[in-house]
């Protein structure tokens, strides 16, 4: 007995998954949002670890600012394909204000961790930042999807229900 999924030609499921990621619906945008978020989180991690010797707060602030600028631009161009509708500076100001909520949240979480554990473990600190960032990121996706939504998408033609 063969499974229908396994009987497909090799690579068909990959093609289907890539088609979903490339789509402009919510699933495609969320998939790209997660990919961009993962990439910029890796950038943040590198900066955080590299600057951890200066303290967790400076490392968090510098890493967050740099990663946010890169993420905002990637979301504008790739995730929401708003490169022609929304300019670089507009995206940085509007999406950057959303990033501030994440920065404040991660800073407070790190301060709380330091107060209750007195730990200087960069891995534990990074794990906490990832957890807080995942929650804030989900909220951010919804806000950015609304912010970068094109007016053409909002003005789809409605069916005419008048009788002839």
N, C-alpha and C. Protein backbone atom coordinates (compact mmCIF):
# COMPACT_ATOMS: atom_id res chain seq x y z
N UNK A 1 0.85 -1.17 0.00
CA UNK A 1 0.00 0.00 0.00
C UNK A 1 0.89 1.23 0.00
N UNK A 2 0.67 2.11 -0.94
CA UNK A 2 1.53 3.29 -1.03
C UNK A 2 0.80 4.52 -0.49
N UNK A 3 1.58 5.37 0.07
CA UNK A 3 1.06 6.63 0.60
C UNK A 3 1.03 7.64 -0.55
N UNK A 4 -0.10 8.37 -0.75
CA UNK A 4 -0.19 9.31 -1.88
C UNK A 4 0.92 10.35 -1.85
N UNK A 5 1.32 10.78 -0.67
CA UNK A 5 2.37 11.79 -0.57
C UNK A 5 3.70 11.24 -1.05
N UNK A 6 3.97 9.97 -0.72
CA UNK A 6 5.25 9.39 -1.09
C UNK A 6 5.29 8.96 -2.55
N UNK A 7 4.14 8.79 -3.19
CA UNK A 7 4.13 8.36 -4.59
C UNK A 7 4.31 9.52 -5.57
N UNK A 8 4.34 10.74 -5.06
CA UNK A 8 4.57 11.90 -5.94
C UNK A 8 5.99 11.84 -6.50
N UNK A 9 6.19 12.49 -7.63
CA UNK A 9 7.56 12.58 -8.15
C UNK A 9 8.44 13.32 -7.14
N UNK A 10 9.69 12.90 -7.10
CA UNK A 10 10.63 13.51 -6.17
C UNK A 10 10.68 15.02 -6.39
N UNK A 11 10.58 15.78 -5.30
CA UNK A 11 10.67 17.22 -5.37
C UNK A 11 9.35 17.94 -5.52
N UNK A 12 8.25 17.22 -5.76
CA UNK A 12 6.96 17.87 -5.95
C UNK A 12 6.52 18.58 -4.67
N UNK A 13 6.78 17.97 -3.53
CA UNK A 13 6.38 18.62 -2.27
C UNK A 13 7.21 19.87 -2.04
N UNK A 14 8.47 19.86 -2.48
CA UNK A 14 9.33 21.05 -2.36
C UNK A 14 8.78 22.16 -3.24
N UNK A 15 8.39 21.81 -4.47
CA UNK A 15 7.81 22.81 -5.37
C UNK A 15 6.55 23.41 -4.78
N UNK A 16 5.71 22.57 -4.18
CA UNK A 16 4.48 23.06 -3.55
C UNK A 16 4.78 23.98 -2.37
N UNK A 17 5.75 23.60 -1.55
CA UNK A 17 6.12 24.44 -0.40
C UNK A 17 6.69 25.77 -0.86
N UNK A 18 7.54 25.74 -1.88
CA UNK A 18 8.11 26.99 -2.40
C UNK A 18 7.03 27.88 -3.00
N UNK A 19 6.06 27.28 -3.66
CA UNK A 19 4.96 28.07 -4.22
C UNK A 19 4.19 28.76 -3.10
N UNK A 20 3.98 28.08 -1.97
CA UNK A 20 3.28 28.69 -0.82
C UNK A 20 4.11 29.84 -0.26
N UNK A 21 5.42 29.66 -0.13
CA UNK A 21 6.28 30.72 0.41
C UNK A 21 6.30 31.92 -0.52
N UNK A 22 6.26 31.68 -1.81
CA UNK A 22 6.29 32.78 -2.78
C UNK A 22 4.95 33.50 -2.91
N UNK A 23 3.89 32.91 -2.41
CA UNK A 23 2.56 33.49 -2.54
C UNK A 23 2.40 34.78 -1.75
N UNK A 24 1.41 35.58 -2.14
CA UNK A 24 1.15 36.85 -1.47
C UNK A 24 0.02 36.76 -0.45
N UNK A 25 -0.45 35.55 -0.19
CA UNK A 25 -1.48 35.40 0.83
C UNK A 25 -0.83 35.43 2.22
N UNK A 26 -1.63 35.31 3.23
CA UNK A 26 -1.13 35.36 4.61
C UNK A 26 -0.11 34.28 4.91
N UNK A 27 -0.31 33.08 4.38
CA UNK A 27 0.63 31.97 4.63
C UNK A 27 1.99 32.27 4.01
N UNK A 28 1.99 32.75 2.78
CA UNK A 28 3.25 33.09 2.12
C UNK A 28 3.97 34.21 2.84
N UNK A 29 3.23 35.25 3.19
CA UNK A 29 3.85 36.37 3.90
C UNK A 29 4.37 35.94 5.27
N UNK A 30 3.59 35.13 5.99
CA UNK A 30 4.05 34.68 7.31
C UNK A 30 5.28 33.80 7.17
N UNK A 31 5.32 32.96 6.14
CA UNK A 31 6.50 32.11 5.92
C UNK A 31 7.74 32.97 5.68
N UNK A 32 7.60 33.97 4.83
CA UNK A 32 8.74 34.87 4.57
C UNK A 32 9.09 35.68 5.82
N UNK A 33 8.08 36.08 6.59
CA UNK A 33 8.31 36.81 7.83
C UNK A 33 9.16 35.97 8.79
N UNK A 34 8.84 34.69 8.90
CA UNK A 34 9.60 33.80 9.77
C UNK A 34 11.02 33.62 9.25
N UNK A 35 11.19 33.46 7.95
CA UNK A 35 12.53 33.30 7.36
C UNK A 35 13.38 34.55 7.58
N UNK A 36 12.79 35.72 7.35
CA UNK A 36 13.51 36.98 7.59
C UNK A 36 13.81 37.11 9.08
N UNK A 37 12.82 36.80 9.92
CA UNK A 37 13.03 36.88 11.36
C UNK A 37 14.14 35.96 11.84
N UNK A 38 14.17 34.75 11.30
CA UNK A 38 15.25 33.82 11.66
C UNK A 38 16.61 34.32 11.23
N UNK A 39 16.67 34.87 10.03
CA UNK A 39 17.95 35.40 9.52
C UNK A 39 18.45 36.58 10.35
N UNK A 40 17.54 37.49 10.65
CA UNK A 40 17.96 38.67 11.41
C UNK A 40 18.17 38.33 12.88
N UNK A 41 17.52 37.27 13.36
CA UNK A 41 17.80 36.81 14.73
C UNK A 41 19.20 36.22 14.81
N UNK A 42 19.62 35.55 13.75
CA UNK A 42 20.99 35.03 13.71
C UNK A 42 21.99 36.19 13.70
N UNK A 43 21.68 37.24 12.95
CA UNK A 43 22.52 38.44 12.96
C UNK A 43 22.57 39.04 14.36
N UNK A 44 21.40 39.17 15.00
CA UNK A 44 21.33 39.67 16.37
C UNK A 44 22.19 38.82 17.30
N UNK A 45 22.10 37.49 17.18
CA UNK A 45 22.85 36.58 18.04
C UNK A 45 24.35 36.81 17.90
N UNK A 46 24.80 36.96 16.66
CA UNK A 46 26.23 37.20 16.43
C UNK A 46 26.68 38.51 17.09
N UNK A 47 25.88 39.54 16.93
CA UNK A 47 26.22 40.84 17.52
C UNK A 47 26.15 40.76 19.04
N UNK A 48 25.11 40.11 19.58
CA UNK A 48 24.94 39.99 21.03
C UNK A 48 26.13 39.26 21.65
N UNK A 49 26.53 38.15 21.06
CA UNK A 49 27.65 37.38 21.58
C UNK A 49 28.95 38.17 21.45
N UNK A 50 29.14 38.82 20.30
CA UNK A 50 30.37 39.59 20.08
C UNK A 50 30.51 40.75 21.06
N UNK A 51 29.39 41.37 21.43
CA UNK A 51 29.43 42.54 22.31
C UNK A 51 29.07 42.23 23.76
N UNK A 52 28.87 40.96 24.07
CA UNK A 52 28.45 40.58 25.42
C UNK A 52 29.44 41.03 26.49
N UNK A 53 30.69 41.15 26.17
CA UNK A 53 31.70 41.61 27.11
C UNK A 53 31.45 43.03 27.61
N UNK A 54 30.70 43.82 26.87
CA UNK A 54 30.35 45.19 27.28
C UNK A 54 29.12 45.22 28.19
N UNK A 55 28.49 44.04 28.39
CA UNK A 55 27.29 43.95 29.21
C UNK A 55 26.10 43.53 28.35
N UNK A 56 25.12 42.89 29.01
CA UNK A 56 23.98 42.38 28.23
C UNK A 56 23.10 43.48 27.67
N UNK A 57 22.97 44.60 28.38
CA UNK A 57 22.10 45.68 27.88
C UNK A 57 22.70 46.36 26.65
N UNK A 58 23.98 46.78 26.67
CA UNK A 58 24.53 47.37 25.44
C UNK A 58 24.52 46.38 24.26
N UNK A 59 24.84 45.12 24.55
CA UNK A 59 24.82 44.11 23.49
C UNK A 59 23.41 43.95 22.93
N UNK A 60 22.41 43.97 23.80
CA UNK A 60 21.01 43.85 23.37
C UNK A 60 20.59 45.06 22.54
N UNK A 61 20.90 46.25 23.00
CA UNK A 61 20.50 47.47 22.30
C UNK A 61 21.15 47.57 20.92
N UNK A 62 22.44 47.39 20.86
CA UNK A 62 23.15 47.51 19.58
C UNK A 62 22.70 46.40 18.62
N UNK A 63 22.62 45.16 19.12
CA UNK A 63 22.16 44.05 18.29
C UNK A 63 20.75 44.26 17.80
N UNK A 64 19.88 44.74 18.68
CA UNK A 64 18.48 44.97 18.31
C UNK A 64 18.34 46.06 17.26
N UNK A 65 19.07 47.14 17.43
CA UNK A 65 18.96 48.25 16.47
C UNK A 65 19.44 47.82 15.09
N UNK A 66 20.60 47.19 15.03
CA UNK A 66 21.13 46.77 13.73
C UNK A 66 20.23 45.71 13.09
N UNK A 67 19.84 44.71 13.86
CA UNK A 67 19.00 43.64 13.31
C UNK A 67 17.63 44.19 12.90
N UNK A 68 17.10 45.16 13.64
CA UNK A 68 15.79 45.73 13.30
C UNK A 68 15.83 46.50 11.99
N UNK A 69 16.88 47.28 11.78
CA UNK A 69 17.00 48.03 10.52
C UNK A 69 17.06 47.06 9.35
N UNK A 70 17.86 46.01 9.49
CA UNK A 70 17.97 45.01 8.42
C UNK A 70 16.63 44.29 8.24
N UNK A 71 15.97 43.90 9.34
CA UNK A 71 14.69 43.20 9.25
C UNK A 71 13.62 44.07 8.61
N UNK A 72 13.56 45.34 9.02
CA UNK A 72 12.55 46.24 8.44
C UNK A 72 12.71 46.34 6.93
N UNK A 73 13.95 46.45 6.48
CA UNK A 73 14.19 46.56 5.04
C UNK A 73 13.84 45.25 4.32
N UNK A 74 14.22 44.12 4.92
CA UNK A 74 13.90 42.83 4.30
C UNK A 74 12.39 42.59 4.29
N UNK A 75 11.70 42.98 5.35
CA UNK A 75 10.24 42.82 5.37
C UNK A 75 9.59 43.72 4.31
N UNK A 76 10.10 44.92 4.18
CA UNK A 76 9.55 45.85 3.19
C UNK A 76 9.70 45.29 1.78
N UNK A 77 10.89 44.79 1.48
CA UNK A 77 11.16 44.33 0.12
C UNK A 77 10.70 42.90 -0.15
N UNK A 78 10.97 41.99 0.79
CA UNK A 78 10.74 40.57 0.54
C UNK A 78 9.42 40.05 1.13
N UNK A 79 9.22 40.29 2.41
CA UNK A 79 8.05 39.70 3.07
C UNK A 79 6.76 40.26 2.50
N UNK A 80 6.66 41.59 2.44
CA UNK A 80 5.40 42.22 2.04
C UNK A 80 5.45 42.84 0.64
N UNK A 81 6.61 42.74 0.00
CA UNK A 81 6.79 43.25 -1.36
C UNK A 81 6.24 44.67 -1.51
N UNK A 82 6.63 45.51 -0.56
CA UNK A 82 6.13 46.89 -0.52
C UNK A 82 7.21 47.87 -0.94
N UNK A 83 8.26 47.39 -1.58
CA UNK A 83 9.39 48.24 -1.96
C UNK A 83 9.03 49.45 -2.79
N UNK A 84 8.01 49.33 -3.63
CA UNK A 84 7.62 50.46 -4.47
C UNK A 84 6.53 51.31 -3.83
N UNK A 85 5.85 50.77 -2.82
CA UNK A 85 4.78 51.51 -2.16
C UNK A 85 5.25 52.25 -0.92
N UNK A 86 6.27 51.70 -0.26
CA UNK A 86 6.74 52.26 1.01
C UNK A 86 8.24 52.50 0.89
N UNK A 87 8.67 53.72 1.18
CA UNK A 87 10.09 54.05 1.09
C UNK A 87 10.89 53.53 2.27
N UNK A 88 12.22 53.51 2.12
CA UNK A 88 13.12 53.02 3.16
C UNK A 88 12.92 53.77 4.47
N UNK A 89 12.94 55.09 4.42
CA UNK A 89 12.82 55.89 5.65
C UNK A 89 11.46 55.70 6.31
N UNK A 90 10.41 55.68 5.52
CA UNK A 90 9.06 55.46 6.06
C UNK A 90 8.98 54.11 6.76
N UNK A 91 9.53 53.08 6.12
CA UNK A 91 9.51 51.74 6.72
C UNK A 91 10.30 51.71 8.02
N UNK A 92 11.44 52.41 8.04
CA UNK A 92 12.26 52.41 9.26
C UNK A 92 11.55 53.13 10.39
N UNK A 93 10.89 54.23 10.08
CA UNK A 93 10.19 54.98 11.13
C UNK A 93 8.97 54.21 11.62
N UNK A 94 8.14 53.74 10.69
CA UNK A 94 6.91 53.06 11.09
C UNK A 94 7.17 51.69 11.68
N UNK A 95 7.95 50.87 10.99
CA UNK A 95 8.25 49.53 11.52
C UNK A 95 9.23 49.62 12.69
N UNK A 96 10.09 50.63 12.65
CA UNK A 96 11.03 50.82 13.76
C UNK A 96 10.33 51.12 15.06
N UNK A 97 9.21 51.83 14.98
CA UNK A 97 8.46 52.10 16.20
C UNK A 97 7.92 50.80 16.80
N UNK A 98 7.60 49.84 15.95
CA UNK A 98 7.20 48.53 16.44
C UNK A 98 8.38 47.80 17.06
N UNK A 99 9.57 48.03 16.51
CA UNK A 99 10.77 47.39 17.04
C UNK A 99 11.10 47.91 18.44
N UNK A 100 10.72 49.14 18.71
CA UNK A 100 10.99 49.71 20.03
C UNK A 100 10.27 48.90 21.11
N UNK A 101 9.05 48.47 20.83
CA UNK A 101 8.32 47.64 21.79
C UNK A 101 9.09 46.36 22.08
N UNK A 102 9.68 45.78 21.05
CA UNK A 102 10.50 44.58 21.24
C UNK A 102 11.75 44.87 22.04
N UNK A 103 12.39 45.97 21.75
CA UNK A 103 13.61 46.34 22.46
C UNK A 103 13.32 46.60 23.94
N UNK A 104 12.27 47.32 24.22
CA UNK A 104 11.89 47.59 25.61
C UNK A 104 11.55 46.27 26.32
N UNK A 105 10.80 45.41 25.64
CA UNK A 105 10.41 44.13 26.24
C UNK A 105 11.61 43.25 26.53
N UNK A 106 12.54 43.15 25.58
CA UNK A 106 13.72 42.32 25.81
C UNK A 106 14.62 42.92 26.88
N UNK A 107 14.73 44.24 26.90
CA UNK A 107 15.54 44.90 27.92
C UNK A 107 14.97 44.64 29.32
N UNK A 108 13.65 44.76 29.46
CA UNK A 108 13.01 44.48 30.75
C UNK A 108 13.16 43.01 31.14
N UNK A 109 13.04 42.12 30.16
CA UNK A 109 13.20 40.69 30.45
C UNK A 109 14.62 40.38 30.90
N UNK A 110 15.61 40.99 30.24
CA UNK A 110 17.00 40.77 30.65
C UNK A 110 17.27 41.34 32.04
N UNK A 111 16.71 42.50 32.32
CA UNK A 111 16.88 43.10 33.66
C UNK A 111 16.23 42.20 34.72
N UNK A 112 15.05 41.68 34.42
CA UNK A 112 14.38 40.77 35.34
C UNK A 112 15.22 39.52 35.57
N UNK A 113 15.75 38.91 34.49
CA UNK A 113 16.58 37.71 34.61
C UNK A 113 17.79 37.99 35.47
N UNK A 114 18.43 39.11 35.24
CA UNK A 114 19.62 39.47 36.02
C UNK A 114 19.27 39.65 37.50
N UNK A 115 18.11 40.23 37.77
CA UNK A 115 17.68 40.48 39.16
C UNK A 115 17.35 39.19 39.90
N UNK A 116 16.74 38.22 39.21
CA UNK A 116 16.32 37.00 39.91
C UNK A 116 17.37 35.89 39.90
N UNK A 117 18.32 35.94 38.97
CA UNK A 117 19.32 34.87 38.91
C UNK A 117 20.74 35.35 39.08
N UNK A 118 20.97 36.63 38.86
CA UNK A 118 22.33 37.19 38.87
C UNK A 118 23.25 36.40 37.93
N UNK A 119 22.65 35.93 36.82
CA UNK A 119 23.37 35.11 35.84
C UNK A 119 23.97 35.98 34.74
N UNK A 120 25.16 35.62 34.33
CA UNK A 120 25.82 36.29 33.22
C UNK A 120 25.96 35.32 32.04
N UNK A 121 25.13 34.28 32.02
CA UNK A 121 25.17 33.25 30.99
C UNK A 121 24.54 33.79 29.71
N UNK A 122 25.36 34.03 28.70
CA UNK A 122 24.89 34.59 27.43
C UNK A 122 23.86 33.67 26.77
N UNK A 123 24.00 32.36 26.90
CA UNK A 123 23.06 31.42 26.30
C UNK A 123 21.67 31.54 26.92
N UNK A 124 21.60 31.64 28.24
CA UNK A 124 20.34 31.80 28.94
C UNK A 124 19.71 33.15 28.58
N UNK A 125 20.52 34.18 28.53
CA UNK A 125 20.02 35.52 28.16
C UNK A 125 19.48 35.51 26.74
N UNK A 126 20.21 34.89 25.84
CA UNK A 126 19.77 34.83 24.45
C UNK A 126 18.46 34.04 24.33
N UNK A 127 18.34 32.93 25.06
CA UNK A 127 17.11 32.13 25.03
C UNK A 127 15.92 32.96 25.49
N UNK A 128 16.10 33.76 26.52
CA UNK A 128 15.02 34.62 27.00
C UNK A 128 14.65 35.66 25.93
N UNK A 129 15.66 36.24 25.31
CA UNK A 129 15.40 37.22 24.24
C UNK A 129 14.65 36.56 23.08
N UNK A 130 15.01 35.34 22.73
CA UNK A 130 14.32 34.63 21.64
C UNK A 130 12.85 34.41 22.01
N UNK A 131 12.57 34.00 23.23
CA UNK A 131 11.20 33.78 23.67
C UNK A 131 10.37 35.06 23.61
N UNK A 132 10.91 36.14 24.16
CA UNK A 132 10.19 37.42 24.15
C UNK A 132 10.02 37.91 22.72
N UNK A 133 11.06 37.76 21.91
CA UNK A 133 11.02 38.21 20.53
C UNK A 133 9.99 37.43 19.71
N UNK A 134 9.81 36.15 19.99
CA UNK A 134 8.80 35.36 19.27
C UNK A 134 7.40 35.89 19.54
N UNK A 135 7.13 36.24 20.77
CA UNK A 135 5.81 36.78 21.11
C UNK A 135 5.62 38.14 20.44
N UNK A 136 6.60 39.02 20.60
CA UNK A 136 6.52 40.35 20.00
C UNK A 136 6.49 40.24 18.48
N UNK A 137 7.24 39.29 17.92
CA UNK A 137 7.29 39.11 16.47
C UNK A 137 5.94 38.74 15.88
N UNK A 138 5.18 37.93 16.59
CA UNK A 138 3.86 37.56 16.10
C UNK A 138 2.95 38.79 16.04
N UNK A 139 3.01 39.60 17.07
CA UNK A 139 2.24 40.84 17.09
C UNK A 139 2.72 41.77 15.98
N UNK A 140 4.03 41.81 15.80
CA UNK A 140 4.64 42.67 14.77
C UNK A 140 4.21 42.26 13.37
N UNK A 141 4.11 40.94 13.13
CA UNK A 141 3.68 40.46 11.82
C UNK A 141 2.30 41.02 11.47
N UNK A 142 1.38 40.91 12.41
CA UNK A 142 0.02 41.39 12.17
C UNK A 142 0.05 42.89 11.88
N UNK A 143 0.81 43.64 12.68
CA UNK A 143 0.88 45.10 12.49
C UNK A 143 1.53 45.45 11.15
N UNK A 144 2.63 44.79 10.80
CA UNK A 144 3.32 45.09 9.54
C UNK A 144 2.48 44.67 8.34
N UNK A 145 1.76 43.57 8.47
CA UNK A 145 0.91 43.14 7.35
C UNK A 145 -0.14 44.20 7.07
N UNK A 146 -0.66 44.78 8.12
CA UNK A 146 -1.64 45.86 7.95
C UNK A 146 -0.95 47.11 7.41
N UNK A 147 0.22 47.45 7.94
CA UNK A 147 0.95 48.65 7.55
C UNK A 147 1.39 48.60 6.09
N UNK A 148 1.92 47.47 5.64
CA UNK A 148 2.45 47.35 4.29
C UNK A 148 1.43 46.83 3.28
N UNK A 149 0.20 46.65 3.70
CA UNK A 149 -0.85 46.15 2.81
C UNK A 149 -1.11 47.17 1.72
N UNK A 150 -1.12 46.72 0.49
CA UNK A 150 -1.33 47.66 -0.61
C UNK A 150 -2.80 48.04 -0.74
N UNK A 151 -3.04 49.24 -1.21
CA UNK A 151 -4.42 49.68 -1.42
C UNK A 151 -5.07 48.89 -2.54
N UNK A 152 -4.28 48.40 -3.49
CA UNK A 152 -4.83 47.58 -4.57
C UNK A 152 -5.41 46.29 -4.00
N UNK A 153 -4.74 45.71 -2.98
CA UNK A 153 -5.25 44.50 -2.36
C UNK A 153 -6.55 44.78 -1.61
N UNK A 154 -6.69 45.98 -1.07
CA UNK A 154 -7.87 46.32 -0.29
C UNK A 154 -9.06 46.65 -1.18
N UNK A 155 -8.79 47.01 -2.43
CA UNK A 155 -9.85 47.46 -3.32
C UNK A 155 -10.18 46.43 -4.40
N UNK A 156 -10.24 45.16 -4.00
CA UNK A 156 -10.58 44.13 -4.97
C UNK A 156 -12.00 44.35 -5.46
N UNK A 157 -12.25 44.11 -6.75
CA UNK A 157 -13.60 44.31 -7.27
C UNK A 157 -14.59 43.38 -6.57
N UNK A 158 -15.73 43.93 -6.23
CA UNK A 158 -16.79 43.16 -5.59
C UNK A 158 -17.77 42.71 -6.67
N UNK A 159 -18.36 41.52 -6.50
CA UNK A 159 -19.32 41.06 -7.51
C UNK A 159 -20.54 41.97 -7.53
N UNK A 160 -21.07 42.16 -8.71
CA UNK A 160 -22.26 43.00 -8.88
C UNK A 160 -23.50 42.13 -8.67
N UNK A 161 -24.29 42.45 -7.64
CA UNK A 161 -25.44 41.65 -7.32
C UNK A 161 -26.74 42.26 -7.85
N UNK A 162 -26.65 43.27 -8.70
CA UNK A 162 -27.85 43.88 -9.27
C UNK A 162 -28.45 42.98 -10.33
N UNK A 163 -29.74 43.02 -10.42
CA UNK A 163 -30.44 42.28 -11.47
C UNK A 163 -30.34 43.04 -12.78
N UNK A 164 -30.20 42.36 -13.93
CA UNK A 164 -30.10 43.06 -15.21
C UNK A 164 -31.39 43.71 -15.62
